């Protein structure tokens, strides 16, 4: 089901995404990999739209949101296509799927930034090297005391 959507550059519907995420968290707690009172949870890929952010609002105490922005379309496409080769993600190699994904991002994911607001959203220039991006994120994490 998930591949059916992602291969077309679309978002997976909210309810199955939320169920899968909650199940993953429960399993992580049961197995001792995640301790909610002690650990900081870093999310990547959820919430992907405003409805998901609202669904998780009572579940999560969000401390920071890192917005990895890229204004250079060519650079972004190159990164996605490199990831496609490294991770065997054929959907990321297709330029039409990438364009569709960016369209979906603008319509559905970008509004999540407004939901969390300026205090929590930290812009990170993703055109830097991966090491620089990580350093910027860690610097902001340290500054926020997370």
C-alpha atoms as a PDB file:
ATOM      1  CA  UNK A   1       0.000   0.000   0.000  1.00  0.00           C
ATOM      2  CA  UNK A   2       2.691   2.520   0.964  1.00  0.00           C
ATOM      3  CA  UNK A   3       4.772   1.883  -2.156  1.00  0.00           C
ATOM      4  CA  UNK A   4       1.676   2.337  -4.304  1.00  0.00           C
ATOM      5  CA  UNK A   5       1.483   5.994  -3.196  1.00  0.00           C
ATOM      6  CA  UNK A   6       5.164   6.901  -2.829  1.00  0.00           C
ATOM      7  CA  UNK A   7       6.071   5.535  -6.250  1.00  0.00           C
ATOM      8  CA  UNK A   8       3.730   8.153  -7.735  1.00  0.00           C
ATOM      9  CA  UNK A   9       5.121  10.951  -5.530  1.00  0.00           C
ATOM     10  CA  UNK A  10       1.951  11.054  -3.413  1.00  0.00           C
ATOM     11  CA  UNK A  11       1.494  11.025   0.337  1.00  0.00           C
ATOM     12  CA  UNK A  12       0.205   7.880   2.008  1.00  0.00           C
ATOM     13  CA  UNK A  13      -3.257   8.545   3.564  1.00  0.00           C
ATOM     14  CA  UNK A  14      -3.197   9.913   7.111  1.00  0.00           C
ATOM     15  CA  UNK A  15      -4.969   7.123   9.001  1.00  0.00           C
ATOM     16  CA  UNK A  16      -2.678   4.247   7.941  1.00  0.00           C
ATOM     17  CA  UNK A  17       0.344   6.511   8.403  1.00  0.00           C
ATOM     18  CA  UNK A  18      -0.768   7.404  11.931  1.00  0.00           C
ATOM     19  CA  UNK A  19      -1.519   3.769  12.808  1.00  0.00           C
ATOM     20  CA  UNK A  20       1.853   2.596  11.530  1.00  0.00           C
ATOM     21  CA  UNK A  21       3.671   5.363  13.432  1.00  0.00           C
ATOM     22  CA  UNK A  22       1.854   4.668  16.705  1.00  0.00           C
ATOM     23  CA  UNK A  23       2.515   0.929  16.352  1.00  0.00           C
ATOM     24  CA  UNK A  24       6.207   1.613  15.735  1.00  0.00           C
ATOM     25  CA  UNK A  25       6.400   3.774  18.884  1.00  0.00           C
ATOM     26  CA  UNK A  26       4.601   1.146  20.996  1.00  0.00           C
ATOM     27  CA  UNK A  27       6.913  -1.596  19.721  1.00  0.00           C
ATOM     28  CA  UNK A  28       9.963   0.589  20.385  1.00  0.00           C
ATOM     29  CA  UNK A  29       8.799   1.173  23.955  1.00  0.00           C
ATOM     30  CA  UNK A  30       8.060  -2.525  24.519  1.00  0.00           C
ATOM     31  CA  UNK A  31      11.455  -3.573  23.208  1.00  0.00           C
ATOM     32  CA  UNK A  32      13.255  -0.964  25.315  1.00  0.00           C
ATOM     33  CA  UNK A  33      14.602   1.006  22.346  1.00  0.00           C
ATOM     34  CA  UNK A  34      12.575   4.095  23.255  1.00  0.00           C
ATOM     35  CA  UNK A  35      11.953   5.529  26.737  1.00  0.00           C
ATOM     36  CA  UNK A  36       9.509   8.443  26.353  1.00  0.00           C
ATOM     37  CA  UNK A  37      10.356  10.097  29.682  1.00  0.00           C
ATOM     38  CA  UNK A  38      14.109  10.077  28.993  1.00  0.00           C
ATOM     39  CA  UNK A  39      14.663  10.012  25.234  1.00  0.00           C
ATOM     40  CA  UNK A  40      14.256  12.673  22.598  1.00  0.00           C
ATOM     41  CA  UNK A  41      12.343  11.426  19.598  1.00  0.00           C
ATOM     42  CA  UNK A  42      13.512  12.712  16.223  1.00  0.00           C
ATOM     43  CA  UNK A  43      10.883  12.387  13.518  1.00  0.00           C
ATOM     44  CA  UNK A  44      11.667  12.313   9.815  1.00  0.00           C
ATOM     45  CA  UNK A  45       8.756  12.136   7.419  1.00  0.00           C
ATOM     46  CA  UNK A  46       5.913  12.651   9.862  1.00  0.00           C
ATOM     47  CA  UNK A  47       3.917  14.816  10.073  1.00  0.00           C
ATOM     48  CA  UNK A  48       3.751  15.361   6.325  1.00  0.00           C
ATOM     49  CA  UNK A  49       0.608  17.465   6.281  1.00  0.00           C
ATOM     50  CA  UNK A  50      -1.483  19.710   8.498  1.00  0.00           C
ATOM     51  CA  UNK A  51      -3.967  16.982   9.410  1.00  0.00           C
ATOM     52  CA  UNK A  52      -1.169  14.683  10.626  1.00  0.00           C
ATOM     53  CA  UNK A  53       0.313  17.527  12.687  1.00  0.00           C
ATOM     54  CA  UNK A  54      -3.086  18.124  14.268  1.00  0.00           C
ATOM     55  CA  UNK A  55      -3.564  14.370  14.898  1.00  0.00           C
ATOM     56  CA  UNK A  56      -0.220  14.213  16.725  1.00  0.00           C
ATOM     57  CA  UNK A  57      -0.589  17.515  18.581  1.00  0.00           C
ATOM     58  CA  UNK A  58      -1.823  15.891  21.818  1.00  0.00           C
ATOM     59  CA  UNK A  59       0.705  13.054  21.502  1.00  0.00           C
ATOM     60  CA  UNK A  60       3.920  15.006  20.950  1.00  0.00           C
ATOM     61  CA  UNK A  61       5.651  17.814  22.798  1.00  0.00           C
ATOM     62  CA  UNK A  62       7.442  19.307  19.798  1.00  0.00           C
ATOM     63  CA  UNK A  63      10.636  21.126  20.775  1.00  0.00           C
ATOM     64  CA  UNK A  64      11.934  22.017  17.307  1.00  0.00           C
ATOM     65  CA  UNK A  65      11.216  21.572  13.608  1.00  0.00           C
ATOM     66  CA  UNK A  66      14.113  21.581  11.167  1.00  0.00           C
ATOM     67  CA  UNK A  67      13.153  22.874   7.747  1.00  0.00           C
ATOM     68  CA  UNK A  68      15.791  21.700   5.276  1.00  0.00           C
ATOM     69  CA  UNK A  69      15.244  24.129   2.428  1.00  0.00           C
ATOM     70  CA  UNK A  70      16.737  24.109  -1.029  1.00  0.00           C
ATOM     71  CA  UNK A  71      16.067  26.818  -3.581  1.00  0.00           C
ATOM     72  CA  UNK A  72      18.136  25.206  -6.334  1.00  0.00           C
ATOM     73  CA  UNK A  73      15.912  22.727  -8.214  1.00  0.00           C
ATOM     74  CA  UNK A  74      18.847  21.174 -10.097  1.00  0.00           C
ATOM     75  CA  UNK A  75      20.743  20.563  -6.843  1.00  0.00           C
ATOM     76  CA  UNK A  76      17.658  19.038  -5.226  1.00  0.00           C
ATOM     77  CA  UNK A  77      17.078  16.681  -8.163  1.00  0.00           C
ATOM     78  CA  UNK A  78      20.728  15.581  -8.099  1.00  0.00           C
ATOM     79  CA  UNK A  79      20.506  14.771  -4.380  1.00  0.00           C
ATOM     80  CA  UNK A  80      17.310  12.783  -4.806  1.00  0.00           C
ATOM     81  CA  UNK A  81      18.718  10.862  -7.745  1.00  0.00           C
ATOM     82  CA  UNK A  82      21.913  10.082  -5.793  1.00  0.00           C
ATOM     83  CA  UNK A  83      19.746   8.786  -2.963  1.00  0.00           C
ATOM     84  CA  UNK A  84      17.853   6.690  -5.504  1.00  0.00           C
ATOM     85  CA  UNK A  85      21.090   4.968  -6.485  1.00  0.00           C
ATOM     86  CA  UNK A  86      22.359   4.492  -2.922  1.00  0.00           C
ATOM     87  CA  UNK A  87      19.074   3.252  -1.457  1.00  0.00           C
ATOM     88  CA  UNK A  88      17.643   1.538  -4.540  1.00  0.00           C
ATOM     89  CA  UNK A  89      14.663   3.925  -4.568  1.00  0.00           C
ATOM     90  CA  UNK A  90      13.564   3.922  -8.173  1.00  0.00           C
ATOM     91  CA  UNK A  91      10.840   6.493  -7.490  1.00  0.00           C
ATOM     92  CA  UNK A  92      13.517   9.103  -6.649  1.00  0.00           C
ATOM     93  CA  UNK A  93      15.224   8.569 -10.000  1.00  0.00           C
ATOM     94  CA  UNK A  94      12.148   9.572 -12.022  1.00  0.00           C
ATOM     95  CA  UNK A  95      11.981  13.309 -12.776  1.00  0.00           C
ATOM     96  CA  UNK A  96       8.173  13.271 -13.142  1.00  0.00           C
ATOM     97  CA  UNK A  97       7.801  11.674  -9.707  1.00  0.00           C
ATOM     98  CA  UNK A  98      10.196  14.260  -8.232  1.00  0.00           C
ATOM     99  CA  UNK A  99       8.146  17.111  -9.756  1.00  0.00           C
ATOM    100  CA  UNK A 100       4.934  15.582  -8.395  1.00  0.00           C
ATOM    101  CA  UNK A 101       6.522  15.177  -4.963  1.00  0.00           C
ATOM    102  CA  UNK A 102       7.569  18.838  -4.932  1.00  0.00           C
ATOM    103  CA  UNK A 103       4.054  19.893  -5.933  1.00  0.00           C
ATOM    104  CA  UNK A 104       2.596  17.784  -3.111  1.00  0.00           C
ATOM    105  CA  UNK A 105       5.166  19.259  -0.711  1.00  0.00           C
ATOM    106  CA  UNK A 106       4.133  22.830  -1.570  1.00  0.00           C
ATOM    107  CA  UNK A 107       0.425  22.045  -1.196  1.00  0.00           C
ATOM    108  CA  UNK A 108       0.415  19.681   1.771  1.00  0.00           C
ATOM    109  CA  UNK A 109       3.667  19.677   3.739  1.00  0.00           C
ATOM    110  CA  UNK A 110       4.767  23.306   3.731  1.00  0.00           C
ATOM    111  CA  UNK A 111       1.665  24.419   5.718  1.00  0.00           C
ATOM    112  CA  UNK A 112       2.977  22.299   8.618  1.00  0.00           C
ATOM    113  CA  UNK A 113       5.684  24.954   9.098  1.00  0.00           C
ATOM    114  CA  UNK A 114       3.010  27.579   9.839  1.00  0.00           C
ATOM    115  CA  UNK A 115       1.277  25.172  12.239  1.00  0.00           C
ATOM    116  CA  UNK A 116       4.423  24.976  14.389  1.00  0.00           C
ATOM    117  CA  UNK A 117       5.303  28.652  13.981  1.00  0.00           C
ATOM    118  CA  UNK A 118       8.477  30.708  13.854  1.00  0.00           C
ATOM    119  CA  UNK A 119       9.589  29.841  17.400  1.00  0.00           C
ATOM    120  CA  UNK A 120       9.898  26.129  16.638  1.00  0.00           C
ATOM    121  CA  UNK A 121      10.858  26.150  12.945  1.00  0.00           C
ATOM    122  CA  UNK A 122      14.587  26.374  12.222  1.00  0.00           C
ATOM    123  CA  UNK A 123      15.608  26.898   8.579  1.00  0.00           C
ATOM    124  CA  UNK A 124      18.632  24.850   7.528  1.00  0.00           C
ATOM    125  CA  UNK A 125      20.326  25.405   4.174  1.00  0.00           C
ATOM    126  CA  UNK A 126      20.341  21.927   2.644  1.00  0.00           C
ATOM    127  CA  UNK A 127      22.547  22.886  -0.294  1.00  0.00           C
ATOM    128  CA  UNK A 128      25.541  22.626   2.023  1.00  0.00           C
ATOM    129  CA  UNK A 129      27.451  19.389   2.430  1.00  0.00           C
ATOM    130  CA  UNK A 130      25.651  16.766   4.546  1.00  0.00           C
ATOM    131  CA  UNK A 131      28.223  17.329   7.290  1.00  0.00           C
ATOM    132  CA  UNK A 132      27.503  21.078   7.392  1.00  0.00           C
ATOM    133  CA  UNK A 133      23.759  20.416   7.453  1.00  0.00           C
ATOM    134  CA  UNK A 134      24.216  18.062  10.412  1.00  0.00           C
ATOM    135  CA  UNK A 135      26.428  20.599  12.217  1.00  0.00           C
ATOM    136  CA  UNK A 136      23.785  23.316  11.757  1.00  0.00           C
ATOM    137  CA  UNK A 137      21.088  21.032  13.136  1.00  0.00           C
ATOM    138  CA  UNK A 138      23.198  19.973  16.119  1.00  0.00           C
ATOM    139  CA  UNK A 139      24.101  23.593  16.871  1.00  0.00           C
ATOM    140  CA  UNK A 140      20.401  24.486  17.003  1.00  0.00           C
ATOM    141  CA  UNK A 141      19.594  21.408  19.116  1.00  0.00           C
ATOM    142  CA  UNK A 142      22.275  22.406  21.605  1.00  0.00           C
ATOM    143  CA  UNK A 143      21.124  26.043  21.648  1.00  0.00           C
ATOM    144  CA  UNK A 144      17.522  24.960  22.284  1.00  0.00           C
ATOM    145  CA  UNK A 145      18.643  22.650  25.098  1.00  0.00           C
ATOM    146  CA  UNK A 146      16.966  19.623  23.591  1.00  0.00           C
END
